[in-house]
Amino acid sequence: MKSNTSLLATLPSHYKEQIKKLSTEGLETIFHDREKALEYAKKGVEQMEPANRNEDYIIKVAESMQILARIVLEERGVLAKS
């Protein structure tokens, strides 16, 4: 299995650029606060994918956001690598 860092390295450059713009504080909020992650996921789904506005999909998006937040925080040295 690839390490988190190598997973980020495989992303297209436009995703890497967007990830660089994310604040550490915002990522920590998403990682540590499930309710906030769900709130942000719901807003994002409503804006970007209104046809997928169902609870199961929003939960999956929030979980994915939390995983990505953990990976980026680990790469930035804020969290210990798991």
Foldseek 3Di string as FASTA:
>chain_A
DDFLVVVLVPDPPVVVVVLVPDDLVVLVCLQPPLVVLLVVLQVVCVVPPVVPNDDVVSSVNSVVSNVVSVSVCCVVVNDPGD
